[in-house]
């Protein structure tokens, strides 16, 4: 790196750059315009089951921001990675804006109801955060929910040992307190990127 002749200006430039970076994580300070998914036909009411066997509906979260991810508990890598980054991002966001973070409900919905019982999705979700809600349901309920959230999934070929993987869309959605879609969260990148995206839209 070439340091300019006037190092004080260089330091000031770095400080200004850092301030701009930090501002991306400060909710409500910048007008980012219309959310990327504003007006999209994504989401809708569902009836699914939580770890206690209780019925959970989309309307139960009225007034809360919602993070929604479809995956499966037996996923060897992608789903755990996405959930870990999302949980880390929520933790980071909560440090900067605890009141706003309290308004966010993260939700994990299985696309493998054959294996992901209420107990299994509950254990999977709690491995990442006590706030992450794991949901399952009948194959018909899962198909209905996946369709409304524009999520693709399909069962892979069964191995000789009887195991299988699930192919599915890798999307982390963010919804507003009315249940309308706002944006996708970049969990495929890193937790910081997710936290910065949350800071844009959760206000």
Protein backbone atom coordinates (compact mmCIF):
# COMPACT_ATOMS: atom_id res chain seq x y z
CA UNK A 1 0.00 0.00 0.00
CA UNK A 2 1.36 3.48 -0.88
CA UNK A 3 0.94 5.90 2.03
CA UNK A 4 0.38 9.50 0.83
CA UNK A 5 2.82 12.25 1.76
CA UNK A 6 0.35 13.71 4.23
CA UNK A 7 -0.46 10.78 6.55
CA UNK A 8 -3.02 12.78 8.52
CA UNK A 9 -5.17 13.08 5.41
CA UNK A 10 -4.76 9.35 4.85
CA UNK A 11 -5.94 8.60 8.38
CA UNK A 12 -8.89 10.97 7.98
CA UNK A 13 -9.82 9.25 4.73
CA UNK A 14 -9.74 5.85 6.43
CA UNK A 15 -11.85 7.17 9.28
CA UNK A 16 -14.40 8.56 6.86
CA UNK A 17 -14.52 5.26 5.01
CA UNK A 18 -15.02 3.36 8.25
CA UNK A 19 -17.80 5.73 9.25
CA UNK A 20 -19.58 5.10 5.97
CA UNK A 21 -19.26 1.34 6.49
CA UNK A 22 -20.63 1.55 10.01
CA UNK A 23 -23.56 3.68 8.84
CA UNK A 24 -24.76 0.71 6.78
CA UNK A 25 -25.43 -1.09 10.07
CA UNK A 26 -27.23 1.82 11.70
CA UNK A 27 -30.97 1.36 11.10
CA UNK A 28 -33.11 4.22 9.93
CA UNK A 29 -30.34 6.64 9.00
CA UNK A 30 -30.36 6.17 5.23
CA UNK A 31 -33.23 6.08 2.76
CA UNK A 32 -32.64 3.02 0.59
CA UNK A 33 -35.73 3.58 -1.50
CA UNK A 34 -38.20 0.83 -2.29
CA UNK A 35 -37.34 -2.67 -1.04
CA UNK A 36 -36.26 -5.08 -3.80
CA UNK A 37 -39.23 -7.41 -3.32
CA UNK A 38 -41.89 -4.75 -2.80
CA UNK A 39 -45.13 -5.87 -4.44
CA UNK A 40 -43.89 -9.39 -5.22
CA UNK A 41 -46.37 -12.25 -4.89
CA UNK A 42 -44.37 -14.11 -2.27
CA UNK A 43 -45.68 -15.49 1.02
CA UNK A 44 -49.11 -16.21 2.37
CA UNK A 45 -50.97 -17.94 5.14
CA UNK A 46 -50.05 -21.46 6.16
CA UNK A 47 -50.83 -23.97 8.87
CA UNK A 48 -47.77 -25.79 10.15
CA UNK A 49 -46.60 -27.41 13.37
CA UNK A 50 -43.98 -26.33 15.91
CA UNK A 51 -41.79 -28.50 18.15
CA UNK A 52 -44.60 -28.83 20.69
CA UNK A 53 -47.10 -30.10 18.13
CA UNK A 54 -49.00 -26.81 18.15
CA UNK A 55 -50.49 -25.29 15.02
CA UNK A 56 -48.69 -22.18 13.78
CA UNK A 57 -50.13 -19.82 11.16
CA UNK A 58 -48.51 -17.05 9.15
CA UNK A 59 -51.04 -14.64 10.63
CA UNK A 60 -49.68 -15.41 14.13
CA UNK A 61 -46.72 -13.14 13.34
CA UNK A 62 -48.75 -10.06 12.48
CA UNK A 63 -46.81 -6.99 13.60
CA UNK A 64 -43.43 -8.73 13.42
CA UNK A 65 -40.74 -8.74 10.78
CA UNK A 66 -40.15 -12.30 9.62
CA UNK A 67 -37.13 -14.11 8.26
CA UNK A 68 -38.16 -17.27 6.42
CA UNK A 69 -35.96 -20.11 5.18
CA UNK A 70 -36.98 -23.45 3.70
CA UNK A 71 -34.53 -26.31 4.21
CA UNK A 72 -34.16 -29.65 5.95
CA UNK A 73 -32.59 -30.79 9.18
CA UNK A 74 -30.54 -33.60 7.62
CA UNK A 75 -28.86 -31.19 5.20
CA UNK A 76 -25.09 -31.79 5.50
CA UNK A 77 -23.83 -28.28 4.80
CA UNK A 78 -25.88 -25.55 3.08
CA UNK A 79 -28.83 -25.30 5.47
CA UNK A 80 -26.70 -25.29 8.65
CA UNK A 81 -24.39 -22.69 7.13
CA UNK A 82 -27.26 -20.41 6.11
CA UNK A 83 -28.91 -20.72 9.51
CA UNK A 84 -25.67 -20.11 11.38
CA UNK A 85 -24.95 -16.95 9.38
CA UNK A 86 -28.51 -15.73 9.83
CA UNK A 87 -28.36 -16.31 13.59
CA UNK A 88 -25.01 -14.53 13.81
CA UNK A 89 -26.40 -11.63 11.79
CA UNK A 90 -29.39 -11.30 14.12
CA UNK A 91 -27.03 -11.29 17.10
CA UNK A 92 -24.95 -8.52 15.52
CA UNK A 93 -28.05 -6.55 14.61
CA UNK A 94 -29.38 -6.92 18.15
CA UNK A 95 -26.24 -5.32 19.56
CA UNK A 96 -26.74 -2.26 17.36
CA UNK A 97 -30.52 -2.07 17.54
CA UNK A 98 -31.96 -4.28 20.31
CA UNK A 99 -35.46 -2.80 20.11
CA UNK A 100 -35.69 -3.44 16.36
CA UNK A 101 -34.17 -6.92 16.63
CA UNK A 102 -36.86 -7.84 19.14
CA UNK A 103 -39.42 -7.30 16.36
CA UNK A 104 -37.89 -9.99 14.11
CA UNK A 105 -39.06 -13.61 14.12
CA UNK A 106 -36.74 -16.03 12.28
CA UNK A 107 -38.53 -19.12 10.90
CA UNK A 108 -37.15 -22.38 9.54
CA UNK A 109 -39.61 -24.50 7.52
CA UNK A 110 -38.67 -28.02 6.53
CA UNK A 111 -39.15 -29.36 3.02
CA UNK A 112 -38.57 -32.92 4.30
CA UNK A 113 -41.57 -33.66 6.52
CA UNK A 114 -41.00 -37.42 6.22
CA UNK A 115 -37.95 -37.20 8.46
CA UNK A 116 -38.28 -33.77 10.06
CA UNK A 117 -40.75 -34.37 12.84
CA UNK A 118 -41.69 -31.56 15.26
CA UNK A 119 -39.00 -32.80 17.63
CA UNK A 120 -36.34 -32.90 14.90
CA UNK A 121 -37.04 -29.40 13.55
CA UNK A 122 -37.15 -28.11 17.11
CA UNK A 123 -33.72 -29.53 17.89
CA UNK A 124 -32.33 -28.28 14.59
CA UNK A 125 -33.59 -24.73 15.16
CA UNK A 126 -32.43 -24.54 18.78
CA UNK A 127 -28.91 -25.53 17.71
CA UNK A 128 -28.58 -22.07 16.11
CA UNK A 129 -30.76 -19.81 18.24
CA UNK A 130 -33.41 -20.00 20.91
CA UNK A 131 -35.35 -17.49 18.82
CA UNK A 132 -35.35 -19.58 15.62
CA UNK A 133 -38.73 -21.25 15.16
CA UNK A 134 -38.68 -24.65 13.46
CA UNK A 135 -41.83 -25.74 11.64
CA UNK A 136 -42.98 -28.90 9.92
CA UNK A 137 -46.29 -30.32 8.73
CA UNK A 138 -47.90 -32.86 6.46
CA UNK A 139 -46.51 -33.23 2.94
CA UNK A 140 -49.56 -31.37 1.68
CA UNK A 141 -49.09 -28.49 4.12
CA UNK A 142 -45.40 -28.18 3.22
CA UNK A 143 -46.17 -28.21 -0.50
CA UNK A 144 -48.79 -25.51 -0.01
CA UNK A 145 -46.44 -23.28 1.98
CA UNK A 146 -43.53 -23.80 -0.41
CA UNK A 147 -45.74 -22.86 -3.34
CA UNK A 148 -46.85 -19.63 -1.71
CA UNK A 149 -43.25 -18.70 -0.90
CA UNK A 150 -42.05 -19.59 -4.40
CA UNK A 151 -39.70 -22.29 -3.13
CA UNK A 152 -38.66 -25.28 -5.23
CA UNK A 153 -37.80 -28.61 -3.63
CA UNK A 154 -37.45 -32.22 -4.71
CA UNK A 155 -36.29 -35.42 -3.10
CA UNK A 156 -32.97 -36.71 -4.39
CA UNK A 157 -32.10 -40.27 -5.29
CA UNK A 158 -31.95 -42.72 -2.41
CA UNK A 159 -28.57 -44.20 -1.57
CA UNK A 160 -27.93 -47.91 -1.06
CA UNK A 161 -28.06 -47.27 2.67
CA UNK A 162 -31.52 -45.75 2.33
CA UNK A 163 -30.56 -42.13 2.90
CA UNK A 164 -31.32 -39.24 0.59
CA UNK A 165 -30.80 -35.51 0.19
CA UNK A 166 -33.27 -32.81 -0.78
CA UNK A 167 -32.78 -30.36 -3.63
CA UNK A 168 -34.29 -26.97 -2.83
CA UNK A 169 -34.15 -23.24 -3.39
CA UNK A 170 -31.57 -21.44 -1.30
CA UNK A 171 -33.41 -18.26 -0.33
CA UNK A 172 -33.58 -16.35 2.94
CA UNK A 173 -36.58 -14.03 2.80
CA UNK A 174 -37.27 -10.94 4.90
CA UNK A 175 -40.91 -9.87 5.35
CA UNK A 176 -42.34 -6.74 6.92
CA UNK A 177 -44.77 -6.62 9.89
CA UNK A 178 -47.73 -6.97 7.51
CA UNK A 179 -46.27 -10.13 5.99
CA UNK A 180 -45.24 -8.44 2.74
CA UNK A 181 -41.87 -9.36 1.19
CA UNK A 182 -39.05 -6.86 1.53
CA UNK A 183 -35.80 -8.47 0.39
CA UNK A 184 -33.68 -11.59 0.29
CA UNK A 185 -30.85 -11.85 2.81
CA UNK A 186 -27.36 -12.78 1.51
CA UNK A 187 -26.66 -15.72 3.81
CA UNK A 188 -24.69 -17.26 0.94
CA UNK A 189 -22.08 -14.51 1.54
CA UNK A 190 -21.56 -13.97 5.26
CA UNK A 191 -23.23 -12.86 8.49
CA UNK A 192 -22.06 -9.24 8.15
CA UNK A 193 -23.76 -8.93 4.77
CA UNK A 194 -27.00 -10.25 6.28
CA UNK A 195 -26.76 -7.81 9.22
CA UNK A 196 -26.24 -4.90 6.83
CA UNK A 197 -29.28 -5.93 4.80
CA UNK A 198 -31.39 -6.15 7.96
CA UNK A 199 -30.29 -2.62 8.88
CA UNK A 200 -31.65 -1.35 5.56
CA UNK A 201 -35.21 -2.57 5.97
CA UNK A 202 -35.99 -3.21 9.65
CA UNK A 203 -37.03 0.15 11.09
